[in-house]
Amino acid sequence: MANIKSAIKRVRTNNDHHLRNQSFKTDMRTQIKRVENFVNNNDVENAKAALKNAAHKIDKAVQKGIVHKNKGNRQKARLAKRVNEISA
């Protein structure tokens, strides 16, 4: 455990940020899994709606610095590709 006052505060703020980032990441992953489930069930309309929502969550995570922008773009591209394959 830290002894210096500023180090104690840094530990506390790091834990707060970790919890906040974890909830964003969990929500993002949940939306990605929803899209994948719709794709696996060949549900085109719901997959498109879920893709829009997942892309929004991924963009928010990138914007907040939780996920690197290249990873966010890669995830969106892969999801869009899978949705387009079942809608064709």
PDB file of N, CA and C in Angstrom:
ATOM      1  N   MET A   1       0.846  -1.185   0.000  1.00  0.00           N
ATOM      2  CA  MET A   1       0.000   0.000   0.000  1.00  0.00           C
ATOM      3  C   MET A   1       0.886   1.242   0.000  1.00  0.00           C
ATOM      4  N   ALA A   2       0.447   2.255  -0.692  1.00  0.00           N
ATOM      5  CA  ALA A   2       1.219   3.497  -0.804  1.00  0.00           C
ATOM      6  C   ALA A   2       1.194   4.264   0.514  1.00  0.00           C
ATOM      7  N   ASN A   3       2.281   4.950   0.809  1.00  0.00           N
ATOM      8  CA  ASN A   3       2.382   5.745   2.031  1.00  0.00           C
ATOM      9  C   ASN A   3       2.200   7.232   1.775  1.00  0.00           C
ATOM     10  N   ILE A   4       2.569   7.675   0.581  1.00  0.00           N
ATOM     11  CA  ILE A   4       2.508   9.101   0.263  1.00  0.00           C
ATOM     12  C   ILE A   4       1.077   9.467  -0.122  1.00  0.00           C
ATOM     13  N   LYS A   5       0.666  10.665   0.319  1.00  0.00           N
ATOM     14  CA  LYS A   5      -0.716  11.092   0.132  1.00  0.00           C
ATOM     15  C   LYS A   5      -1.119  11.123  -1.338  1.00  0.00           C
ATOM     16  N   SER A   6      -0.241  11.640  -2.195  1.00  0.00           N
ATOM     17  CA  SER A   6      -0.563  11.711  -3.620  1.00  0.00           C
ATOM     18  C   SER A   6      -0.643  10.322  -4.247  1.00  0.00           C
ATOM     19  N   ALA A   7       0.183   9.396  -3.769  1.00  0.00           N
ATOM     20  CA  ALA A   7       0.158   8.028  -4.279  1.00  0.00           C
ATOM     21  C   ALA A   7      -1.120   7.319  -3.848  1.00  0.00           C
ATOM     22  N   ILE A   8      -1.586   7.602  -2.643  1.00  0.00           N
ATOM     23  CA  ILE A   8      -2.848   7.017  -2.162  1.00  0.00           C
ATOM     24  C   ILE A   8      -3.996   7.504  -3.037  1.00  0.00           C
ATOM     25  N   LYS A   9      -3.992   8.806  -3.339  1.00  0.00           N
ATOM     26  CA  LYS A   9      -5.048   9.365  -4.193  1.00  0.00           C
ATOM     27  C   LYS A   9      -4.966   8.773  -5.594  1.00  0.00           C
ATOM     28  N   ARG A  10      -3.762   8.587  -6.110  1.00  0.00           N
ATOM     29  CA  ARG A  10      -3.584   8.018  -7.456  1.00  0.00           C
ATOM     30  C   ARG A  10      -4.143   6.593  -7.510  1.00  0.00           C
ATOM     31  N   VAL A  11      -3.908   5.811  -6.468  1.00  0.00           N
ATOM     32  CA  VAL A  11      -4.450   4.446  -6.415  1.00  0.00           C
ATOM     33  C   VAL A  11      -5.973   4.489  -6.441  1.00  0.00           C
ATOM     34  N   ARG A  12      -6.539   5.402  -5.657  1.00  0.00           N
ATOM     35  CA  ARG A  12      -8.003   5.526  -5.590  1.00  0.00           C
ATOM     36  C   ARG A  12      -8.581   5.952  -6.941  1.00  0.00           C
ATOM     37  N   THR A  13      -7.974   6.928  -7.601  1.00  0.00           N
ATOM     38  CA  THR A  13      -8.498   7.375  -8.892  1.00  0.00           C
ATOM     39  C   THR A  13      -8.306   6.307  -9.968  1.00  0.00           C
ATOM     40  N   ASN A  14      -7.182   5.568  -9.895  1.00  0.00           N
ATOM     41  CA  ASN A  14      -6.977   4.477 -10.854  1.00  0.00           C
ATOM     42  C   ASN A  14      -8.057   3.413 -10.710  1.00  0.00           C
ATOM     43  N   ASN A  15      -8.436   3.099  -9.469  1.00  0.00           N
ATOM     44  CA  ASN A  15      -9.500   2.116  -9.254  1.00  0.00           C
ATOM     45  C   ASN A  15     -10.830   2.621  -9.788  1.00  0.00           C
ATOM     46  N   ASP A  16     -11.119   3.903  -9.585  1.00  0.00           N
ATOM     47  CA  ASP A  16     -12.368   4.484 -10.100  1.00  0.00           C
ATOM     48  C   ASP A  16     -12.409   4.413 -11.626  1.00  0.00           C
ATOM     49  N   HIS A  17     -11.303   4.797 -12.255  1.00  0.00           N
ATOM     50  CA  HIS A  17     -11.238   4.761 -13.720  1.00  0.00           C
ATOM     51  C   HIS A  17     -11.334   3.326 -14.227  1.00  0.00           C
ATOM     52  N   HIS A  18     -10.706   2.400 -13.515  1.00  0.00           N
ATOM     53  CA  HIS A  18     -10.751   0.991 -13.919  1.00  0.00           C
ATOM     54  C   HIS A  18     -12.189   0.490 -13.928  1.00  0.00           C
ATOM     55  N   LEU A  19     -12.940   0.810 -12.901  1.00  0.00           N
ATOM     56  CA  LEU A  19     -14.335   0.365 -12.831  1.00  0.00           C
ATOM     57  C   LEU A  19     -15.176   0.987 -13.946  1.00  0.00           C
ATOM     58  N   ARG A  20     -14.945   2.259 -14.206  1.00  0.00           N
ATOM     59  CA  ARG A  20     -15.707   2.944 -15.258  1.00  0.00           C
ATOM     60  C   ARG A  20     -15.363   2.365 -16.627  1.00  0.00           C
ATOM     61  N   ASN A  21     -14.069   2.164 -16.879  1.00  0.00           N
ATOM     62  CA  ASN A  21     -13.642   1.603 -18.159  1.00  0.00           C
ATOM     63  C   ASN A  21     -14.151   0.179 -18.319  1.00  0.00           C
ATOM     64  N   GLN A  22     -14.155  -0.581 -17.239  1.00  0.00           N
ATOM     65  CA  GLN A  22     -14.604  -1.963 -17.292  1.00  0.00           C
ATOM     66  C   GLN A  22     -16.074  -2.035 -17.694  1.00  0.00           C
ATOM     67  N   SER A  23     -16.898  -1.117 -17.175  1.00  0.00           N
ATOM     68  CA  SER A  23     -18.312  -1.140 -17.530  1.00  0.00           C
ATOM     69  C   SER A  23     -18.511  -0.777 -19.004  1.00  0.00           C
ATOM     70  N   PHE A  24     -17.724   0.170 -19.516  1.00  0.00           N
ATOM     71  CA  PHE A  24     -17.813   0.517 -20.934  1.00  0.00           C
ATOM     72  C   PHE A  24     -17.412  -0.669 -21.811  1.00  0.00           C
ATOM     73  N   LYS A  25     -16.313  -1.328 -21.431  1.00  0.00           N
ATOM     74  CA  LYS A  25     -15.823  -2.462 -22.197  1.00  0.00           C
ATOM     75  C   LYS A  25     -16.826  -3.610 -22.191  1.00  0.00           C
ATOM     76  N   THR A  26     -17.411  -3.872 -21.032  1.00  0.00           N
ATOM     77  CA  THR A  26     -18.390  -4.951 -20.908  1.00  0.00           C
ATOM     78  C   THR A  26     -19.603  -4.669 -21.776  1.00  0.00           C
ATOM     79  N   ASP A  27     -20.082  -3.429 -21.747  1.00  0.00           N
ATOM     80  CA  ASP A  27     -21.239  -3.050 -22.554  1.00  0.00           C
ATOM     81  C   ASP A  27     -20.930  -3.187 -24.038  1.00  0.00           C
ATOM     82  N   MET A  28     -19.724  -2.773 -24.437  1.00  0.00           N
ATOM     83  CA  MET A  28     -19.314  -2.881 -25.833  1.00  0.00           C
ATOM     84  C   MET A  28     -19.279  -4.345 -26.276  1.00  0.00           C
ATOM     85  N   ARG A  29     -18.675  -5.197 -25.451  1.00  0.00           N
ATOM     86  CA  ARG A  29     -18.582  -6.620 -25.791  1.00  0.00           C
ATOM     87  C   ARG A  29     -19.965  -7.262 -25.877  1.00  0.00           C
ATOM     88  N   THR A  30     -20.870  -6.854 -25.004  1.00  0.00           N
ATOM     89  CA  THR A  30     -22.228  -7.392 -25.023  1.00  0.00           C
ATOM     90  C   THR A  30     -22.912  -7.058 -26.340  1.00  0.00           C
ATOM     91  N   GLN A  31     -22.747  -5.818 -26.800  1.00  0.00           N
ATOM     92  CA  GLN A  31     -23.373  -5.413 -28.057  1.00  0.00           C
ATOM     93  C   GLN A  31     -22.778  -6.182 -29.232  1.00  0.00           C
ATOM     94  N   ILE A  32     -21.478  -6.432 -29.193  1.00  0.00           N
ATOM     95  CA  ILE A  32     -20.821  -7.203 -30.259  1.00  0.00           C
ATOM     96  C   ILE A  32     -21.377  -8.624 -30.288  1.00  0.00           C
ATOM     97  N   LYS A  33     -21.546  -9.221 -29.105  1.00  0.00           N
ATOM     98  CA  LYS A  33     -22.080 -10.578 -29.031  1.00  0.00           C
ATOM     99  C   LYS A  33     -23.525 -10.642 -29.520  1.00  0.00           C
ATOM    100  N   ARG A  34     -24.301  -9.593 -29.268  1.00  0.00           N
ATOM    101  CA  ARG A  34     -25.677  -9.556 -29.765  1.00  0.00           C
ATOM    102  C   ARG A  34     -25.695  -9.614 -31.288  1.00  0.00           C
ATOM    103  N   VAL A  35     -24.820  -8.827 -31.923  1.00  0.00           N
ATOM    104  CA  VAL A  35     -24.744  -8.831 -33.387  1.00  0.00           C
ATOM    105  C   VAL A  35     -24.367 -10.223 -33.871  1.00  0.00           C
ATOM    106  N   GLU A  36     -23.372 -10.825 -33.243  1.00  0.00           N
ATOM    107  CA  GLU A  36     -22.919 -12.149 -33.663  1.00  0.00           C
ATOM    108  C   GLU A  36     -24.020 -13.198 -33.501  1.00  0.00           C
ATOM    109  N   ASN A  37     -24.809 -13.094 -32.440  1.00  0.00           N
ATOM    110  CA  ASN A  37     -25.917 -14.040 -32.253  1.00  0.00           C
ATOM    111  C   ASN A  37     -26.972 -13.878 -33.341  1.00  0.00           C
ATOM    112  N   PHE A  38     -27.291 -12.641 -33.687  1.00  0.00           N
ATOM    113  CA  PHE A  38     -28.265 -12.406 -34.759  1.00  0.00           C
ATOM    114  C   PHE A  38     -27.742 -12.927 -36.088  1.00  0.00           C
ATOM    115  N   VAL A  39     -26.450 -12.757 -36.338  1.00  0.00           N
ATOM    116  CA  VAL A  39     -25.843 -13.244 -37.581  1.00  0.00           C
ATOM    117  C   VAL A  39     -25.908 -14.769 -37.623  1.00  0.00           C
ATOM    118  N   ASN A  40     -25.604 -15.408 -36.495  1.00  0.00           N
ATOM    119  CA  ASN A  40     -25.634 -16.869 -36.457  1.00  0.00           C
ATOM    120  C   ASN A  40     -27.045 -17.418 -36.662  1.00  0.00           C
ATOM    121  N   ASN A  41     -28.059 -16.642 -36.255  1.00  0.00           N
ATOM    122  CA  ASN A  41     -29.454 -17.060 -36.428  1.00  0.00           C
ATOM    123  C   ASN A  41     -30.054 -16.551 -37.737  1.00  0.00           C
ATOM    124  N   ASN A  42     -29.240 -15.919 -38.579  1.00  0.00           N
ATOM    125  CA  ASN A  42     -29.675 -15.367 -39.878  1.00  0.00           C
ATOM    126  C   ASN A  42     -30.839 -14.389 -39.734  1.00  0.00           C
ATOM    127  N   ASP A  43     -30.807 -13.575 -38.700  1.00  0.00           N
ATOM    128  CA  ASP A  43     -31.839 -12.563 -38.464  1.00  0.00           C
ATOM    129  C   ASP A  43     -31.299 -11.223 -38.970  1.00  0.00           C
ATOM    130  N   VAL A  44     -31.597 -10.915 -40.225  1.00  0.00           N
ATOM    131  CA  VAL A  44     -30.975  -9.778 -40.909  1.00  0.00           C
ATOM    132  C   VAL A  44     -31.391  -8.442 -40.290  1.00  0.00           C
ATOM    133  N   GLU A  45     -32.699  -8.252 -40.088  1.00  0.00           N
ATOM    134  CA  GLU A  45     -33.180  -6.950 -39.611  1.00  0.00           C
ATOM    135  C   GLU A  45     -32.623  -6.622 -38.220  1.00  0.00           C
ATOM    136  N   ASN A  46     -32.713  -7.581 -37.317  1.00  0.00           N
ATOM    137  CA  ASN A  46     -32.199  -7.343 -35.968  1.00  0.00           C
ATOM    138  C   ASN A  46     -30.681  -7.203 -35.972  1.00  0.00           C
ATOM    139  N   ALA A  47     -29.998  -7.915 -36.852  1.00  0.00           N
ATOM    140  CA  ALA A  47     -28.541  -7.817 -36.938  1.00  0.00           C
ATOM    141  C   ALA A  47     -28.129  -6.409 -37.372  1.00  0.00           C
ATOM    142  N   LYS A  48     -28.866  -5.840 -38.329  1.00  0.00           N
ATOM    143  CA  LYS A  48     -28.534  -4.486 -38.790  1.00  0.00           C
ATOM    144  C   LYS A  48     -28.751  -3.469 -37.684  1.00  0.00           C
ATOM    145  N   ALA A  49     -29.855  -3.618 -36.951  1.00  0.00           N
ATOM    146  CA  ALA A  49     -30.135  -2.689 -35.853  1.00  0.00           C
ATOM    147  C   ALA A  49     -29.088  -2.838 -34.753  1.00  0.00           C
ATOM    148  N   ALA A  50     -28.730  -4.076 -34.439  1.00  0.00           N
ATOM    149  CA  ALA A  50     -27.729  -4.322 -33.402  1.00  0.00           C
ATOM    150  C   ALA A  50     -26.351  -3.831 -33.851  1.00  0.00           C
ATOM    151  N   LEU A  51     -26.054  -3.935 -35.140  1.00  0.00           N
ATOM    152  CA  LEU A  51     -24.775  -3.449 -35.666  1.00  0.00           C
ATOM    153  C   LEU A  51     -24.650  -1.941 -35.463  1.00  0.00           C
ATOM    154  N   LYS A  52     -25.723  -1.237 -35.709  1.00  0.00           N
ATOM    155  CA  LYS A  52     -25.703   0.215 -35.526  1.00  0.00           C
ATOM    156  C   LYS A  52     -25.414   0.565 -34.064  1.00  0.00           C
ATOM    157  N   ASN A  53     -26.072  -0.153 -33.163  1.00  0.00           N
ATOM    158  CA  ASN A  53     -25.867   0.088 -31.740  1.00  0.00           C
ATOM    159  C   ASN A  53     -24.450  -0.302 -31.314  1.00  0.00           C
ATOM    160  N   ALA A  54     -23.958  -1.424 -31.816  1.00  0.00           N
ATOM    161  CA  ALA A  54     -22.610  -1.880 -31.466  1.00  0.00           C
ATOM    162  C   ALA A  54     -21.555  -0.904 -31.984  1.00  0.00           C
ATOM    163  N   ALA A  55     -21.750  -0.392 -33.191  1.00  0.00           N
ATOM    164  CA  ALA A  55     -20.799   0.571 -33.753  1.00  0.00           C
ATOM    165  C   ALA A  55     -20.750   1.824 -32.889  1.00  0.00           C
ATOM    166  N   HIS A  56     -21.902   2.242 -32.388  1.00  0.00           N
ATOM    167  CA  HIS A  56     -21.954   3.416 -31.513  1.00  0.00           C
ATOM    168  C   HIS A  56     -21.174   3.157 -30.221  1.00  0.00           C
ATOM    169  N   LYS A  57     -21.358   1.984 -29.633  1.00  0.00           N
ATOM    170  CA  LYS A  57     -20.660   1.641 -28.389  1.00  0.00           C
ATOM    171  C   LYS A  57     -19.147   1.544 -28.619  1.00  0.00           C
ATOM    172  N   ILE A  58     -18.761   0.969 -29.747  1.00  0.00           N
ATOM    173  CA  ILE A  58     -17.335   0.853 -30.064  1.00  0.00           C
ATOM    174  C   ILE A  58     -16.733   2.246 -30.251  1.00  0.00           C
ATOM    175  N   ASP A  59     -17.445   3.121 -30.965  1.00  0.00           N
ATOM    176  CA  ASP A  59     -16.950   4.481 -31.174  1.00  0.00           C
ATOM    177  C   ASP A  59     -16.796   5.230 -29.853  1.00  0.00           C
ATOM    178  N   LYS A  60     -17.741   5.034 -28.949  1.00  0.00           N
ATOM    179  CA  LYS A  60     -17.664   5.689 -27.644  1.00  0.00           C
ATOM    180  C   LYS A  60     -16.449   5.186 -26.862  1.00  0.00           C
ATOM    181  N   ALA A  61     -16.195   3.882 -26.927  1.00  0.00           N
ATOM    182  CA  ALA A  61     -15.045   3.317 -26.221  1.00  0.00           C
ATOM    183  C   ALA A  61     -13.745   3.854 -26.806  1.00  0.00           C
ATOM    184  N   VAL A  62     -13.688   4.000 -28.122  1.00  0.00           N
ATOM    185  CA  VAL A  62     -12.500   4.566 -28.772  1.00  0.00           C
ATOM    186  C   VAL A  62     -12.335   6.022 -28.361  1.00  0.00           C
ATOM    187  N   GLN A  63     -13.427   6.752 -28.359  1.00  0.00           N
ATOM    188  CA  GLN A  63     -13.399   8.171 -28.019  1.00  0.00           C
ATOM    189  C   GLN A  63     -12.889   8.393 -26.593  1.00  0.00           C
ATOM    190  N   LYS A  64     -13.239   7.500 -25.684  1.00  0.00           N
ATOM    191  CA  LYS A  64     -12.824   7.629 -24.292  1.00  0.00           C
ATOM    192  C   LYS A  64     -11.443   7.039 -24.036  1.00  0.00           C
ATOM    193  N   GLY A  65     -10.837   6.444 -25.068  1.00  0.00           N
ATOM    194  CA  GLY A  65      -9.491   5.908 -24.921  1.00  0.00           C
ATOM    195  C   GLY A  65      -9.446   4.533 -24.290  1.00  0.00           C
ATOM    196  N   ILE A  66     -10.566   3.856 -24.220  1.00  0.00           N
ATOM    197  CA  ILE A  66     -10.620   2.530 -23.614  1.00  0.00           C
ATOM    198  C   ILE A  66     -10.108   1.486 -24.596  1.00  0.00           C
ATOM    199  N   VAL A  67     -10.403   1.695 -25.874  1.00  0.00           N
ATOM    200  CA  VAL A  67      -9.981   0.782 -26.941  1.00  0.00           C
ATOM    201  C   VAL A  67      -9.212   1.606 -27.966  1.00  0.00           C
ATOM    202  N   HIS A  68      -8.161   1.041 -28.537  1.00  0.00           N
ATOM    203  CA  HIS A  68      -7.396   1.727 -29.569  1.00  0.00           C
ATOM    204  C   HIS A  68      -8.260   1.883 -30.816  1.00  0.00           C
ATOM    205  N   LYS A  69      -8.063   2.984 -31.553  1.00  0.00           N
ATOM    206  CA  LYS A  69      -8.933   3.265 -32.696  1.00  0.00           C
ATOM    207  C   LYS A  69      -8.821   2.212 -33.784  1.00  0.00           C
ATOM    208  N   ASN A  70      -7.631   1.634 -33.976  1.00  0.00           N
ATOM    209  CA  ASN A  70      -7.494   0.590 -34.988  1.00  0.00           C
ATOM    210  C   ASN A  70      -8.280  -0.653 -34.606  1.00  0.00           C
ATOM    211  N   LYS A  71      -8.268  -0.995 -33.336  1.00  0.00           N
ATOM    212  CA  LYS A  71      -9.041  -2.154 -32.880  1.00  0.00           C
ATOM    213  C   LYS A  71     -10.531  -1.893 -33.040  1.00  0.00           C
ATOM    214  N   GLY A  72     -10.961  -0.686 -32.730  1.00  0.00           N
ATOM    215  CA  GLY A  72     -12.367  -0.337 -32.895  1.00  0.00           C
ATOM    216  C   GLY A  72     -12.798  -0.431 -34.345  1.00  0.00           C
ATOM    217  N   ASN A  73     -11.981   0.102 -35.237  1.00  0.00           N
ATOM    218  CA  ASN A  73     -12.302   0.044 -36.664  1.00  0.00           C
ATOM    219  C   ASN A  73     -12.308  -1.391 -37.178  1.00  0.00           C
ATOM    220  N   ARG A  74     -11.374  -2.194 -36.686  1.00  0.00           N
ATOM    221  CA  ARG A  74     -11.308  -3.597 -37.092  1.00  0.00           C
ATOM    222  C   ARG A  74     -12.558  -4.354 -36.638  1.00  0.00           C
ATOM    223  N   GLN A  75     -12.988  -4.115 -35.412  1.00  0.00           N
ATOM    224  CA  GLN A  75     -14.177  -4.786 -34.900  1.00  0.00           C
ATOM    225  C   GLN A  75     -15.416  -4.394 -35.692  1.00  0.00           C
ATOM    226  N   LYS A  76     -15.556  -3.103 -35.977  1.00  0.00           N
ATOM    227  CA  LYS A  76     -16.714  -2.637 -36.749  1.00  0.00           C
ATOM    228  C   LYS A  76     -16.710  -3.221 -38.149  1.00  0.00           C
ATOM    229  N   ALA A  77     -15.527  -3.278 -38.772  1.00  0.00           N
ATOM    230  CA  ALA A  77     -15.431  -3.803 -40.135  1.00  0.00           C
ATOM    231  C   ALA A  77     -15.795  -5.285 -40.173  1.00  0.00           C
ATOM    232  N   ARG A  78     -15.320  -6.046 -39.204  1.00  0.00           N
ATOM    233  CA  ARG A  78     -15.619  -7.484 -39.178  1.00  0.00           C
ATOM    234  C   ARG A  78     -17.101  -7.735 -38.948  1.00  0.00           C
ATOM    235  N   LEU A  79     -17.695  -6.952 -38.050  1.00  0.00           N
ATOM    236  CA  LEU A  79     -19.130  -7.119 -37.803  1.00  0.00           C
ATOM    237  C   LEU A  79     -19.940  -6.746 -39.042  1.00  0.00           C
ATOM    238  N   ALA A  80     -19.584  -5.632 -39.677  1.00  0.00           N
ATOM    239  CA  ALA A  80     -20.302  -5.190 -40.875  1.00  0.00           C
ATOM    240  C   ALA A  80     -20.168  -6.224 -41.984  1.00  0.00           C
ATOM    241  N   LYS A  81     -19.004  -6.813 -42.115  1.00  0.00           N
ATOM    242  CA  LYS A  81     -18.777  -7.829 -43.141  1.00  0.00           C
ATOM    243  C   LYS A  81     -19.685  -9.025 -42.907  1.00  0.00           C
ATOM    244  N   ARG A  82     -19.784  -9.468 -41.645  1.00  0.00           N
ATOM    245  CA  ARG A  82     -20.635 -10.624 -41.351  1.00  0.00           C
ATOM    246  C   ARG A  82     -22.107 -10.319 -41.584  1.00  0.00           C
ATOM    247  N   VAL A  83     -22.546  -9.112 -41.236  1.00  0.00           N
ATOM    248  CA  VAL A  83     -23.942  -8.723 -41.442  1.00  0.00           C
ATOM    249  C   VAL A  83     -24.231  -8.638 -42.935  1.00  0.00           C
ATOM    250  N   ASN A  84     -23.303  -8.081 -43.695  1.00  0.00           N
ATOM    251  CA  ASN A  84     -23.502  -7.968 -45.147  1.00  0.00           C
ATOM    252  C   ASN A  84     -23.532  -9.329 -45.830  1.00  0.00           C
ATOM    253  N   GLU A  85     -22.791 -10.299 -45.305  1.00  0.00           N
ATOM    254  CA  GLU A  85     -22.794 -11.628 -45.892  1.00  0.00           C
ATOM    255  C   GLU A  85     -24.164 -12.300 -45.756  1.00  0.00           C
ATOM    256  N   ILE A  86     -24.829 -12.119 -44.613  1.00  0.00           N
ATOM    257  CA  ILE A  86     -26.121 -12.779 -44.460  1.00  0.00           C
ATOM    258  C   ILE A  86     -27.238 -12.011 -45.150  1.00  0.00           C
ATOM    259  N   SER A  87     -27.032 -10.702 -45.372  1.00  0.00           N
ATOM    260  CA  SER A  87     -28.087  -9.919 -46.020  1.00  0.00           C
ATOM    261  C   SER A  87     -28.028 -10.027 -47.537  1.00  0.00           C
ATOM    262  N   ALA A  88     -26.929 -10.547 -48.071  1.00  0.00           N
ATOM    263  CA  ALA A  88     -26.796 -10.664 -49.522  1.00  0.00           C
ATOM    264  C   ALA A  88     -27.552 -11.868 -50.067  1.00  0.00           C
TER     265      ALA A  88
END
